[in-house]
Amino acid sequence: MLQVCNITYNPFPMQTSTRDIVEHMPENSNVSVAVLLPCYNEEVTIGKVVRDFKTALPSADIYVYDNNSTDRTAEIAASEGAIVRKEPRQGKGNVIRAMFEDIDADVYVMSDGDDTYPADAAPAMVDKVLEGYDMVIGDRLSSTYFQENKRPFHNFGNDLVRFCTNHLFGGKIKDIMTGYRAFSYQFVKTYPVLSRGFEIETEMTIHALQRNMQVENVVIDYRDRPEGSESKLNTYSDGFKVLGTIARLFKNYRPFSFFGILAAILAVFDIGFMIPVLGEYFRTGLVPRFPTLIVCCFVLVAALLLFISGIILSSQLAKDARDFEFQLQTVQHWRNSAEKEN
């Protein structure tokens, strides 16, 4: 399968510290950092989250996208100096789609408004993006998540999603469902957001793995929600949506494996029913179970069609990979042209 080359925007040398860039950059510097906070009814915590990110990244623009909150989330965020925008389409995936479409920056930091992620980890994550990584993942599972999290089955669900994603897509991602991430400009402007809800983190992780982008894990200290703040994630319904997303993306990104497995399953069942019919035919010259033979023939044809579909879709996937490479080059060219004009 064609591997896509990584094209990353790196306006500073690799040894440059992002903390120095952000806190001490000259006024005419082209480096910009955007903090993205999708929110739904987070009035208990959003004020502190905005203040913490202002302290950690004082030169960053902090965007709070209010997703139909019924409390004072937007009002509190605005009073703390955040740029507040409304997103009427319900769902975290819809909010992130709007953010990625609307906002231009050199580095994007995405977090939640529930005060479970430490803002002081953001400079290190920005550092990694400026070094050339396309996505930096705030890894909760390697630190305090299993001790802090008090919601049943979430620990098992995170482990299951991590196992499935890494084994099906060949990754080494430590935390698939974390909402704390940093992105390059190229990632944000070439990532097709398809999910509408909380499965968005799984989708963007698999996208990065499939497109051979550079991904880094940064261990962060996770803390559970403070008292009075409620999680919007439904353990069961959202969990099944995440697993469904993994299956859908496995079909889209690994079509030969997906359809090959289905074809093999049908072929095994077909052979199991066909052998007795053929054995009796060779012994007696008769086919007493003629309906079984007909069904087996149709199942065999279905298996062959699935196998051929996998081959065709794999060829299409290779073409998509080439198109994505051209898209990256186009984004890079547009970015370079915009910098020269400025």
C-alpha atoms as a PDB file:
ATOM      1  CA  MET A   1       0.000   0.000   0.000  1.00  0.00           C
ATOM      2  CA  LEU A   2       1.268   3.448  -0.847  1.00  0.00           C
ATOM      3  CA  GLN A   3       2.645   5.292   2.143  1.00  0.00           C
ATOM      4  CA  VAL A   4       1.943   9.016   2.324  1.00  0.00           C
ATOM      5  CA  CYS A   5       4.888  11.272   2.998  1.00  0.00           C
ATOM      6  CA  ASN A   6       4.651  13.723   5.882  1.00  0.00           C
ATOM      7  CA  ILE A   7       4.784  17.409   5.070  1.00  0.00           C
ATOM      8  CA  THR A   8       4.911  19.539   8.182  1.00  0.00           C
ATOM      9  CA  TYR A   9       5.190  23.246   8.677  1.00  0.00           C
ATOM     10  CA  ASN A  10       8.106  24.113  10.963  1.00  0.00           C
ATOM     11  CA  PRO A  11       8.786  27.826  11.096  1.00  0.00           C
ATOM     12  CA  PHE A  12      11.370  27.469  13.871  1.00  0.00           C
ATOM     13  CA  PRO A  13      14.420  25.225  14.272  1.00  0.00           C
ATOM     14  CA  MET A  14      13.840  21.962  16.089  1.00  0.00           C
ATOM     15  CA  GLN A  15      15.871  23.006  19.110  1.00  0.00           C
ATOM     16  CA  THR A  16      13.753  26.116  19.681  1.00  0.00           C
ATOM     17  CA  SER A  17      11.628  25.945  22.827  1.00  0.00           C
ATOM     18  CA  THR A  18       7.938  26.601  22.298  1.00  0.00           C
ATOM     19  CA  ARG A  19       7.717  28.167  25.741  1.00  0.00           C
ATOM     20  CA  ASP A  20      10.308  30.721  24.591  1.00  0.00           C
ATOM     21  CA  ILE A  21       8.510  31.165  21.261  1.00  0.00           C
ATOM     22  CA  VAL A  22       5.099  31.732  22.816  1.00  0.00           C
ATOM     23  CA  GLU A  23       6.082  33.808  25.821  1.00  0.00           C
ATOM     24  CA  HIS A  24       8.925  35.828  24.314  1.00  0.00           C
ATOM     25  CA  MET A  25       8.164  35.928  20.578  1.00  0.00           C
ATOM     26  CA  PRO A  26       8.459  39.329  18.897  1.00  0.00           C
ATOM     27  CA  GLU A  27       5.272  41.125  17.979  1.00  0.00           C
ATOM     28  CA  ASN A  28       5.816  40.515  14.252  1.00  0.00           C
ATOM     29  CA  SER A  29       6.318  36.759  14.693  1.00  0.00           C
ATOM     30  CA  ASN A  30       4.257  34.578  12.388  1.00  0.00           C
ATOM     31  CA  VAL A  31       3.779  31.800  14.933  1.00  0.00           C
ATOM     32  CA  SER A  32       0.221  31.621  16.225  1.00  0.00           C
ATOM     33  CA  VAL A  33      -1.345  29.190  18.702  1.00  0.00           C
ATOM     34  CA  ALA A  34      -5.072  28.557  19.006  1.00  0.00           C
ATOM     35  CA  VAL A  35      -6.609  26.785  22.001  1.00  0.00           C
ATOM     36  CA  LEU A  36      -9.862  25.050  21.076  1.00  0.00           C
ATOM     37  CA  LEU A  37     -12.406  24.299  23.811  1.00  0.00           C
ATOM     38  CA  PRO A  38     -15.661  22.610  22.711  1.00  0.00           C
ATOM     39  CA  CYS A  39     -18.207  23.041  25.505  1.00  0.00           C
ATOM     40  CA  TYR A  40     -21.686  21.942  26.496  1.00  0.00           C
ATOM     41  CA  ASN A  41     -22.968  23.017  29.933  1.00  0.00           C
ATOM     42  CA  GLU A  42     -19.568  23.540  31.558  1.00  0.00           C
ATOM     43  CA  GLU A  43     -20.294  26.631  33.669  1.00  0.00           C
ATOM     44  CA  VAL A  44     -18.767  24.990  36.748  1.00  0.00           C
ATOM     45  CA  THR A  45     -15.315  24.618  35.173  1.00  0.00           C
ATOM     46  CA  ILE A  46     -14.957  26.728  32.029  1.00  0.00           C
ATOM     47  CA  GLY A  47     -13.762  29.866  33.835  1.00  0.00           C
ATOM     48  CA  LYS A  48     -10.855  28.048  35.462  1.00  0.00           C
ATOM     49  CA  VAL A  49      -9.971  26.243  32.221  1.00  0.00           C
ATOM     50  CA  VAL A  50      -9.735  29.534  30.294  1.00  0.00           C
ATOM     51  CA  ARG A  51      -7.610  31.123  33.038  1.00  0.00           C
ATOM     52  CA  ASP A  52      -5.286  28.121  33.168  1.00  0.00           C
ATOM     53  CA  PHE A  53      -4.663  28.189  29.421  1.00  0.00           C
ATOM     54  CA  LYS A  54      -4.096  31.936  29.497  1.00  0.00           C
ATOM     55  CA  THR A  55      -1.392  31.330  32.088  1.00  0.00           C
ATOM     56  CA  ALA A  56       0.180  28.403  30.230  1.00  0.00           C
ATOM     57  CA  LEU A  57      -0.004  30.006  26.759  1.00  0.00           C
ATOM     58  CA  PRO A  58      -0.345  33.767  27.312  1.00  0.00           C
ATOM     59  CA  SER A  59      -0.004  34.647  23.613  1.00  0.00           C
ATOM     60  CA  ALA A  60      -2.515  32.060  22.392  1.00  0.00           C
ATOM     61  CA  ASP A  61      -6.030  32.802  21.191  1.00  0.00           C
ATOM     62  CA  ILE A  62      -8.539  30.825  23.258  1.00  0.00           C
ATOM     63  CA  TYR A  63     -11.727  29.800  21.477  1.00  0.00           C
ATOM     64  CA  VAL A  64     -14.762  28.459  23.312  1.00  0.00           C
ATOM     65  CA  TYR A  65     -17.401  26.937  21.050  1.00  0.00           C
ATOM     66  CA  ASP A  66     -20.707  26.724  22.885  1.00  0.00           C
ATOM     67  CA  ASN A  67     -22.734  23.729  21.682  1.00  0.00           C
ATOM     68  CA  ASN A  68     -26.276  24.743  22.720  1.00  0.00           C
ATOM     69  CA  SER A  69     -25.508  25.062  26.420  1.00  0.00           C
ATOM     70  CA  THR A  70     -28.450  25.820  28.679  1.00  0.00           C
ATOM     71  CA  ASP A  71     -26.317  27.317  31.456  1.00  0.00           C
ATOM     72  CA  ARG A  72     -23.902  30.274  31.688  1.00  0.00           C
ATOM     73  CA  THR A  73     -20.973  28.599  29.885  1.00  0.00           C
ATOM     74  CA  ALA A  74     -20.728  31.187  27.102  1.00  0.00           C
ATOM     75  CA  GLU A  75     -21.161  34.137  29.459  1.00  0.00           C
ATOM     76  CA  ILE A  76     -18.464  32.956  31.864  1.00  0.00           C
ATOM     77  CA  ALA A  77     -16.019  32.125  29.061  1.00  0.00           C
ATOM     78  CA  ALA A  78     -16.467  35.564  27.513  1.00  0.00           C
ATOM     79  CA  SER A  79     -15.944  37.271  30.871  1.00  0.00           C
ATOM     80  CA  GLU A  80     -12.589  35.465  31.192  1.00  0.00           C
ATOM     81  CA  GLY A  81     -11.438  36.801  27.833  1.00  0.00           C
ATOM     82  CA  ALA A  82     -12.117  33.813  25.582  1.00  0.00           C
ATOM     83  CA  ILE A  83     -13.388  34.179  22.022  1.00  0.00           C
ATOM     84  CA  VAL A  84     -16.863  32.634  22.221  1.00  0.00           C
ATOM     85  CA  ARG A  85     -18.700  31.242  19.222  1.00  0.00           C
ATOM     86  CA  LYS A  86     -21.902  29.240  18.848  1.00  0.00           C
ATOM     87  CA  GLU A  87     -22.285  25.886  17.103  1.00  0.00           C
ATOM     88  CA  PRO A  88     -25.950  24.873  16.714  1.00  0.00           C
ATOM     89  CA  ARG A  89     -25.281  21.347  15.385  1.00  0.00           C
ATOM     90  CA  GLN A  90     -25.244  19.138  18.467  1.00  0.00           C
ATOM     91  CA  GLY A  91     -22.281  16.829  19.011  1.00  0.00           C
ATOM     92  CA  LYS A  92     -18.569  17.141  19.685  1.00  0.00           C
ATOM     93  CA  GLY A  93     -17.666  16.056  16.164  1.00  0.00           C
ATOM     94  CA  ASN A  94     -19.797  18.845  14.708  1.00  0.00           C
ATOM     95  CA  VAL A  95     -18.123  21.386  16.979  1.00  0.00           C
ATOM     96  CA  ILE A  96     -14.626  20.272  15.999  1.00  0.00           C
ATOM     97  CA  ARG A  97     -15.573  20.402  12.325  1.00  0.00           C
ATOM     98  CA  ALA A  98     -16.623  24.031  12.757  1.00  0.00           C
ATOM     99  CA  MET A  99     -13.447  24.861  14.691  1.00  0.00           C
ATOM    100  CA  PHE A 100     -11.161  23.332  12.082  1.00  0.00           C
ATOM    101  CA  GLU A 101     -12.992  25.128   9.275  1.00  0.00           C
ATOM    102  CA  ASP A 102     -13.118  28.545  10.936  1.00  0.00           C
ATOM    103  CA  ILE A 103      -9.771  28.977  12.679  1.00  0.00           C
ATOM    104  CA  ASP A 104      -6.321  29.448  11.149  1.00  0.00           C
ATOM    105  CA  ALA A 105      -3.207  29.005  13.292  1.00  0.00           C
ATOM    106  CA  ASP A 106       0.252  27.461  13.134  1.00  0.00           C
ATOM    107  CA  VAL A 107      -0.445  25.208  16.125  1.00  0.00           C
ATOM    108  CA  TYR A 108      -3.784  24.051  17.521  1.00  0.00           C
ATOM    109  CA  VAL A 109      -4.306  22.807  21.073  1.00  0.00           C
ATOM    110  CA  MET A 110      -7.607  21.023  21.679  1.00  0.00           C
ATOM    111  CA  SER A 111      -8.892  20.316  25.163  1.00  0.00           C
ATOM    112  CA  ASP A 112     -12.173  19.912  27.026  1.00  0.00           C
ATOM    113  CA  GLY A 113     -13.906  22.490  29.170  1.00  0.00           C
ATOM    114  CA  ASP A 114     -14.329  20.131  32.142  1.00  0.00           C
ATOM    115  CA  ASP A 115     -10.980  20.851  33.878  1.00  0.00           C
ATOM    116  CA  THR A 116      -9.782  17.245  33.668  1.00  0.00           C
ATOM    117  CA  TYR A 117      -6.663  18.054  31.622  1.00  0.00           C
ATOM    118  CA  PRO A 118      -3.694  20.100  32.901  1.00  0.00           C
ATOM    119  CA  ALA A 119      -3.182  23.294  30.902  1.00  0.00           C
ATOM    120  CA  ASP A 120       0.465  23.444  31.979  1.00  0.00           C
ATOM    121  CA  ALA A 121       1.180  20.467  29.670  1.00  0.00           C
ATOM    122  CA  ALA A 122       0.218  22.544  26.620  1.00  0.00           C
ATOM    123  CA  PRO A 123       3.637  24.213  26.041  1.00  0.00           C
ATOM    124  CA  ALA A 124       5.342  20.814  25.819  1.00  0.00           C
ATOM    125  CA  MET A 125       2.720  19.631  23.340  1.00  0.00           C
ATOM    126  CA  VAL A 126       3.159  22.775  21.244  1.00  0.00           C
ATOM    127  CA  ASP A 127       6.912  22.116  21.316  1.00  0.00           C
ATOM    128  CA  LYS A 128       6.343  18.734  19.707  1.00  0.00           C
ATOM    129  CA  VAL A 129       4.208  20.174  16.910  1.00  0.00           C
ATOM    130  CA  LEU A 130       6.862  22.777  16.098  1.00  0.00           C
ATOM    131  CA  GLU A 131       9.432  19.984  15.997  1.00  0.00           C
ATOM    132  CA  GLY A 132       7.493  18.455  13.122  1.00  0.00           C
ATOM    133  CA  TYR A 133       4.801  16.202  14.596  1.00  0.00           C
ATOM    134  CA  ASP A 134       1.367  16.369  13.009  1.00  0.00           C
ATOM    135  CA  MET A 135      -0.580  15.273  16.091  1.00  0.00           C
ATOM    136  CA  VAL A 136       0.487  15.163  19.730  1.00  0.00           C
ATOM    137  CA  ILE A 137      -1.661  13.078  22.055  1.00  0.00           C
ATOM    138  CA  GLY A 138      -2.096  13.883  25.738  1.00  0.00           C
ATOM    139  CA  ASP A 139      -1.741  10.395  27.217  1.00  0.00           C
ATOM    140  CA  ARG A 140      -3.889   9.933  30.348  1.00  0.00           C
ATOM    141  CA  LEU A 141      -3.727   6.153  30.514  1.00  0.00           C
ATOM    142  CA  SER A 142       0.002   6.030  31.293  1.00  0.00           C
ATOM    143  CA  SER A 143      -0.366   8.217  34.373  1.00  0.00           C
ATOM    144  CA  THR A 144      -3.320   8.824  36.703  1.00  0.00           C
ATOM    145  CA  TYR A 145      -6.431   7.969  34.679  1.00  0.00           C
ATOM    146  CA  PHE A 146      -7.128   4.557  36.166  1.00  0.00           C
ATOM    147  CA  GLN A 147      -6.813   5.975  39.685  1.00  0.00           C
ATOM    148  CA  GLU A 148      -8.788   9.168  39.111  1.00  0.00           C
ATOM    149  CA  ASN A 149     -11.594   7.881  36.887  1.00  0.00           C
ATOM    150  CA  LYS A 150     -14.621   6.778  38.893  1.00  0.00           C
ATOM    151  CA  ARG A 151     -17.028   5.935  36.066  1.00  0.00           C
ATOM    152  CA  PRO A 152     -17.761   2.218  35.609  1.00  0.00           C
ATOM    153  CA  PHE A 153     -16.515   0.415  32.494  1.00  0.00           C
ATOM    154  CA  HIS A 154     -14.605   3.477  31.212  1.00  0.00           C
ATOM    155  CA  ASN A 155     -11.266   1.871  32.065  1.00  0.00           C
ATOM    156  CA  PHE A 156     -12.201  -1.327  30.238  1.00  0.00           C
ATOM    157  CA  GLY A 157     -13.582   0.635  27.293  1.00  0.00           C
ATOM    158  CA  ASN A 158     -10.413   2.695  26.886  1.00  0.00           C
ATOM    159  CA  ASP A 159      -8.258  -0.433  26.962  1.00  0.00           C
ATOM    160  CA  LEU A 160     -10.514  -2.187  24.442  1.00  0.00           C
ATOM    161  CA  VAL A 161     -10.491   0.746  22.010  1.00  0.00           C
ATOM    162  CA  ARG A 162      -6.713   1.105  22.328  1.00  0.00           C
ATOM    163  CA  PHE A 163      -6.191  -2.624  21.682  1.00  0.00           C
ATOM    164  CA  CYS A 164      -8.494  -2.708  18.638  1.00  0.00           C
ATOM    165  CA  THR A 165      -7.102   0.450  17.056  1.00  0.00           C
ATOM    166  CA  ASN A 166      -3.435  -0.380  17.490  1.00  0.00           C
ATOM    167  CA  HIS A 167      -3.806  -3.966  16.297  1.00  0.00           C
ATOM    168  CA  LEU A 168      -6.041  -3.220  13.317  1.00  0.00           C
ATOM    169  CA  PHE A 169      -4.143  -0.155  12.109  1.00  0.00           C
ATOM    170  CA  GLY A 170      -0.603  -0.898  13.246  1.00  0.00           C
ATOM    171  CA  GLY A 171      -0.224   1.974  15.706  1.00  0.00           C
ATOM    172  CA  LYS A 172       1.482   2.510  19.036  1.00  0.00           C
ATOM    173  CA  ILE A 173      -0.936   5.065  20.434  1.00  0.00           C
ATOM    174  CA  LYS A 174      -1.148   5.083  24.213  1.00  0.00           C
ATOM    175  CA  ASP A 175      -4.521   6.839  24.594  1.00  0.00           C
ATOM    176  CA  ILE A 176      -7.004   6.725  21.721  1.00  0.00           C
ATOM    177  CA  MET A 177      -9.938   8.589  23.263  1.00  0.00           C
ATOM    178  CA  THR A 178      -8.177  11.454  25.004  1.00  0.00           C
ATOM    179  CA  GLY A 179      -9.619  14.880  24.242  1.00  0.00           C
ATOM    180  CA  TYR A 180      -6.304  16.656  24.873  1.00  0.00           C
ATOM    181  CA  ARG A 181      -4.318  16.999  21.643  1.00  0.00           C
ATOM    182  CA  ALA A 182      -2.171  19.374  19.641  1.00  0.00           C
ATOM    183  CA  PHE A 183      -2.180  19.558  15.841  1.00  0.00           C
ATOM    184  CA  SER A 184      -0.217  21.034  12.999  1.00  0.00           C
ATOM    185  CA  TYR A 185      -1.849  23.305  10.442  1.00  0.00           C
ATOM    186  CA  GLN A 186      -1.519  20.594   7.799  1.00  0.00           C
ATOM    187  CA  PHE A 187      -3.380  18.045   9.908  1.00  0.00           C
ATOM    188  CA  VAL A 188      -6.277  20.367  10.697  1.00  0.00           C
ATOM    189  CA  LYS A 189      -6.782  21.535   7.119  1.00  0.00           C
ATOM    190  CA  THR A 190      -6.584  18.074   5.538  1.00  0.00           C
ATOM    191  CA  TYR A 191      -8.534  16.052   8.105  1.00  0.00           C
ATOM    192  CA  PRO A 192     -12.062  15.155   6.902  1.00  0.00           C
ATOM    193  CA  VAL A 193     -14.324  15.262   9.964  1.00  0.00           C
ATOM    194  CA  LEU A 194     -17.044  12.645   9.495  1.00  0.00           C
ATOM    195  CA  SER A 195     -18.070  11.765  13.051  1.00  0.00           C
ATOM    196  CA  ARG A 196     -20.691  13.835  14.839  1.00  0.00           C
ATOM    197  CA  GLY A 197     -20.165  12.794  18.445  1.00  0.00           C
ATOM    198  CA  PHE A 198     -17.567  11.549  20.905  1.00  0.00           C
ATOM    199  CA  GLU A 199     -16.150   9.053  18.417  1.00  0.00           C
ATOM    200  CA  ILE A 200     -14.278  11.970  16.829  1.00  0.00           C
ATOM    201  CA  GLU A 201     -11.064  11.272  18.789  1.00  0.00           C
ATOM    202  CA  THR A 202     -10.952   7.685  17.554  1.00  0.00           C
ATOM    203  CA  GLU A 203     -11.568   8.822  13.992  1.00  0.00           C
ATOM    204  CA  MET A 204      -8.782  11.420  13.974  1.00  0.00           C
ATOM    205  CA  THR A 205      -6.341   8.929  15.515  1.00  0.00           C
ATOM    206  CA  ILE A 206      -7.057   6.316  12.840  1.00  0.00           C
ATOM    207  CA  HIS A 207      -6.842   9.001  10.140  1.00  0.00           C
ATOM    208  CA  ALA A 208      -3.346   9.961  11.325  1.00  0.00           C
ATOM    209  CA  LEU A 209      -2.223   6.327  11.378  1.00  0.00           C
ATOM    210  CA  GLN A 210      -3.659   5.577   7.946  1.00  0.00           C
ATOM    211  CA  ARG A 211      -2.101   8.673   6.370  1.00  0.00           C
ATOM    212  CA  ASN A 212       1.282   7.872   7.921  1.00  0.00           C
ATOM    213  CA  MET A 213       1.410  11.156   9.804  1.00  0.00           C
ATOM    214  CA  GLN A 214       3.852  11.767  12.607  1.00  0.00           C
ATOM    215  CA  VAL A 215       2.203  11.147  15.972  1.00  0.00           C
ATOM    216  CA  GLU A 216       3.725  11.591  19.419  1.00  0.00           C
ATOM    217  CA  ASN A 217       2.478  10.682  22.907  1.00  0.00           C
ATOM    218  CA  VAL A 218       2.988  13.080  25.817  1.00  0.00           C
ATOM    219  CA  VAL A 219       2.106  11.759  29.270  1.00  0.00           C
ATOM    220  CA  ILE A 220      -0.211  14.088  31.208  1.00  0.00           C
ATOM    221  CA  ASP A 221      -1.721  13.991  34.694  1.00  0.00           C
ATOM    222  CA  TYR A 222      -5.459  13.397  34.494  1.00  0.00           C
ATOM    223  CA  ARG A 223      -7.881  14.478  37.200  1.00  0.00           C
ATOM    224  CA  ASP A 224     -11.542  13.565  37.489  1.00  0.00           C
ATOM    225  CA  ARG A 225     -14.276  16.132  37.091  1.00  0.00           C
ATOM    226  CA  PRO A 226     -14.850  18.381  40.098  1.00  0.00           C
ATOM    227  CA  GLU A 227     -18.013  18.004  42.139  1.00  0.00           C
ATOM    228  CA  GLY A 228     -21.031  19.492  40.384  1.00  0.00           C
ATOM    229  CA  SER A 229     -19.659  18.840  36.885  1.00  0.00           C
ATOM    230  CA  GLU A 230     -21.265  16.016  34.910  1.00  0.00           C
ATOM    231  CA  SER A 231     -19.837  14.020  32.021  1.00  0.00           C
ATOM    232  CA  LYS A 232     -21.751  14.162  28.719  1.00  0.00           C
ATOM    233  CA  LEU A 233     -20.302  10.823  27.575  1.00  0.00           C
ATOM    234  CA  ASN A 234     -22.708   7.894  27.718  1.00  0.00           C
ATOM    235  CA  THR A 235     -20.702   4.791  28.560  1.00  0.00           C
ATOM    236  CA  TYR A 236     -22.782   2.344  26.533  1.00  0.00           C
ATOM    237  CA  SER A 237     -24.264   4.224  23.568  1.00  0.00           C
ATOM    238  CA  ASP A 238     -21.132   6.268  22.888  1.00  0.00           C
ATOM    239  CA  GLY A 239     -18.975   3.203  23.510  1.00  0.00           C
ATOM    240  CA  PHE A 240     -20.801   1.239  20.819  1.00  0.00           C
ATOM    241  CA  LYS A 241     -20.536   4.222  18.478  1.00  0.00           C
ATOM    242  CA  VAL A 242     -16.764   4.237  18.963  1.00  0.00           C
ATOM    243  CA  LEU A 243     -16.526   0.515  18.210  1.00  0.00           C
ATOM    244  CA  GLY A 244     -18.743   1.040  15.169  1.00  0.00           C
ATOM    245  CA  THR A 245     -16.431   3.815  14.007  1.00  0.00           C
ATOM    246  CA  ILE A 246     -13.427   1.491  14.301  1.00  0.00           C
ATOM    247  CA  ALA A 247     -15.234  -1.148  12.210  1.00  0.00           C
ATOM    248  CA  ARG A 248     -16.295   1.432   9.609  1.00  0.00           C
ATOM    249  CA  LEU A 249     -12.805   2.879   9.278  1.00  0.00           C
ATOM    250  CA  PHE A 250     -11.290  -0.602   9.130  1.00  0.00           C
ATOM    251  CA  LYS A 251     -13.555  -1.260   6.145  1.00  0.00           C
ATOM    252  CA  ASN A 252     -12.616   2.069   4.544  1.00  0.00           C
ATOM    253  CA  TYR A 253      -8.881   2.001   5.251  1.00  0.00           C
ATOM    254  CA  ARG A 254      -8.200  -1.761   5.117  1.00  0.00           C
ATOM    255  CA  PRO A 255     -10.689  -2.954   2.484  1.00  0.00           C
ATOM    256  CA  PHE A 256      -8.681  -5.958   1.330  1.00  0.00           C
ATOM    257  CA  SER A 257      -8.374  -7.276   4.893  1.00  0.00           C
ATOM    258  CA  PHE A 258     -12.009  -6.479   5.727  1.00  0.00           C
ATOM    259  CA  PHE A 259     -13.583  -8.059   2.651  1.00  0.00           C
ATOM    260  CA  GLY A 260     -10.981 -10.827   2.602  1.00  0.00           C
ATOM    261  CA  ILE A 261     -11.987 -11.885   6.108  1.00  0.00           C
ATOM    262  CA  LEU A 262     -15.674 -11.912   5.145  1.00  0.00           C
ATOM    263  CA  ALA A 263     -14.891 -13.892   2.002  1.00  0.00           C
ATOM    264  CA  ALA A 264     -12.865 -16.418   4.004  1.00  0.00           C
ATOM    265  CA  ILE A 265     -15.698 -16.895   6.525  1.00  0.00           C
ATOM    266  CA  LEU A 266     -18.213 -17.537   3.741  1.00  0.00           C
ATOM    267  CA  ALA A 267     -15.790 -19.881   1.991  1.00  0.00           C
ATOM    268  CA  VAL A 268     -15.275 -21.943   5.159  1.00  0.00           C
ATOM    269  CA  PHE A 269     -19.026 -22.341   5.696  1.00  0.00           C
ATOM    270  CA  ASP A 270     -19.511 -23.105   2.017  1.00  0.00           C
ATOM    271  CA  ILE A 271     -16.873 -25.835   2.040  1.00  0.00           C
ATOM    272  CA  GLY A 272     -18.325 -27.304   5.230  1.00  0.00           C
ATOM    273  CA  PHE A 273     -21.726 -27.799   3.584  1.00  0.00           C
ATOM    274  CA  MET A 274     -20.374 -28.632   0.141  1.00  0.00           C
ATOM    275  CA  ILE A 275     -18.079 -31.523   1.112  1.00  0.00           C
ATOM    276  CA  PRO A 276     -20.887 -33.927   2.175  1.00  0.00           C
ATOM    277  CA  VAL A 277     -22.855 -33.163  -0.993  1.00  0.00           C
ATOM    278  CA  LEU A 278     -19.837 -33.753  -3.240  1.00  0.00           C
ATOM    279  CA  GLY A 279     -18.838 -36.863  -1.297  1.00  0.00           C
ATOM    280  CA  GLU A 280     -22.246 -38.415  -1.820  1.00  0.00           C
ATOM    281  CA  TYR A 281     -22.195 -37.462  -5.500  1.00  0.00           C
ATOM    282  CA  PHE A 282     -18.841 -39.203  -6.087  1.00  0.00           C
ATOM    283  CA  ARG A 283     -20.044 -42.309  -4.265  1.00  0.00           C
ATOM    284  CA  THR A 284     -23.485 -42.684  -5.861  1.00  0.00           C
ATOM    285  CA  GLY A 285     -23.532 -40.294  -8.797  1.00  0.00           C
ATOM    286  CA  LEU A 286     -26.637 -38.652  -7.279  1.00  0.00           C
ATOM    287  CA  VAL A 287     -27.296 -35.276  -5.600  1.00  0.00           C
ATOM    288  CA  PRO A 288     -30.178 -35.902  -3.191  1.00  0.00           C
ATOM    289  CA  ARG A 289     -29.673 -32.531  -1.443  1.00  0.00           C
ATOM    290  CA  PHE A 290     -29.925 -30.385  -4.524  1.00  0.00           C
ATOM    291  CA  PRO A 291     -31.134 -27.219  -2.666  1.00  0.00           C
ATOM    292  CA  THR A 292     -28.013 -27.367  -0.477  1.00  0.00           C
ATOM    293  CA  LEU A 293     -25.821 -27.497  -3.577  1.00  0.00           C
ATOM    294  CA  ILE A 294     -27.575 -24.462  -5.064  1.00  0.00           C
ATOM    295  CA  VAL A 295     -27.171 -22.456  -1.868  1.00  0.00           C
ATOM    296  CA  CYS A 296     -23.489 -23.417  -1.654  1.00  0.00           C
ATOM    297  CA  CYS A 297     -22.934 -22.206  -5.200  1.00  0.00           C
ATOM    298  CA  PHE A 298     -24.498 -18.836  -4.405  1.00  0.00           C
ATOM    299  CA  VAL A 299     -22.441 -18.535  -1.200  1.00  0.00           C
ATOM    300  CA  LEU A 300     -19.273 -19.306  -3.166  1.00  0.00           C
ATOM    301  CA  VAL A 301     -20.141 -16.612  -5.690  1.00  0.00           C
ATOM    302  CA  ALA A 302     -20.733 -14.145  -2.819  1.00  0.00           C
ATOM    303  CA  ALA A 303     -17.325 -15.003  -1.352  1.00  0.00           C
ATOM    304  CA  LEU A 304     -15.649 -14.402  -4.704  1.00  0.00           C
ATOM    305  CA  LEU A 305     -17.461 -11.060  -5.095  1.00  0.00           C
ATOM    306  CA  LEU A 306     -16.317  -9.959  -1.643  1.00  0.00           C
ATOM    307  CA  PHE A 307     -12.735 -10.908  -2.442  1.00  0.00           C
ATOM    308  CA  ILE A 308     -12.823  -9.032  -5.752  1.00  0.00           C
ATOM    309  CA  SER A 309     -14.397  -6.012  -4.014  1.00  0.00           C
ATOM    310  CA  GLY A 310     -11.480  -5.956  -1.599  1.00  0.00           C
ATOM    311  CA  ILE A 311      -9.002  -5.903  -4.485  1.00  0.00           C
ATOM    312  CA  ILE A 312     -10.827  -3.099  -6.298  1.00  0.00           C
ATOM    313  CA  LEU A 313     -11.217  -0.958  -3.175  1.00  0.00           C
ATOM    314  CA  SER A 314      -7.546  -1.458  -2.290  1.00  0.00           C
ATOM    315  CA  SER A 315      -6.619  -0.004  -5.672  1.00  0.00           C
ATOM    316  CA  GLN A 316      -8.939   2.940  -5.020  1.00  0.00           C
ATOM    317  CA  LEU A 317      -7.322   3.401  -1.614  1.00  0.00           C
ATOM    318  CA  ALA A 318      -3.908   3.699  -3.246  1.00  0.00           C
ATOM    319  CA  LYS A 319      -5.292   6.417  -5.514  1.00  0.00           C
ATOM    320  CA  ASP A 320      -6.774   8.204  -2.493  1.00  0.00           C
ATOM    321  CA  ALA A 321      -3.354   8.120  -0.832  1.00  0.00           C
ATOM    322  CA  ARG A 322      -1.796   9.797  -3.866  1.00  0.00           C
ATOM    323  CA  ASP A 323      -4.556  12.415  -3.892  1.00  0.00           C
ATOM    324  CA  PHE A 324      -3.989  13.072  -0.202  1.00  0.00           C
ATOM    325  CA  GLU A 325      -0.287  13.621  -0.885  1.00  0.00           C
ATOM    326  CA  PHE A 326      -1.165  16.211  -3.516  1.00  0.00           C
ATOM    327  CA  GLN A 327      -3.591  17.811  -1.078  1.00  0.00           C
ATOM    328  CA  LEU A 328      -0.835  18.138   1.510  1.00  0.00           C
ATOM    329  CA  GLN A 329       1.427  19.738  -1.052  1.00  0.00           C
ATOM    330  CA  THR A 330      -1.320  22.165  -2.045  1.00  0.00           C
ATOM    331  CA  VAL A 331      -1.917  23.168   1.577  1.00  0.00           C
ATOM    332  CA  GLN A 332       1.821  23.642   2.102  1.00  0.00           C
ATOM    333  CA  HIS A 333       2.117  25.746  -1.052  1.00  0.00           C
ATOM    334  CA  TRP A 334      -0.854  27.911  -0.031  1.00  0.00           C
ATOM    335  CA  ARG A 335       0.631  28.351   3.438  1.00  0.00           C
ATOM    336  CA  ASN A 336       4.013  29.375   2.082  1.00  0.00           C
ATOM    337  CA  SER A 337       2.398  31.857  -0.324  1.00  0.00           C
ATOM    338  CA  ALA A 338       0.371  33.417   2.496  1.00  0.00           C
ATOM    339  CA  GLU A 339       3.521  33.828   4.603  1.00  0.00           C
ATOM    340  CA  LYS A 340       5.377  35.565   1.776  1.00  0.00           C
ATOM    341  CA  GLU A 341       2.484  37.984   1.285  1.00  0.00           C
ATOM    342  CA  ASN A 342       2.529  38.841   4.990  1.00  0.00           C
END
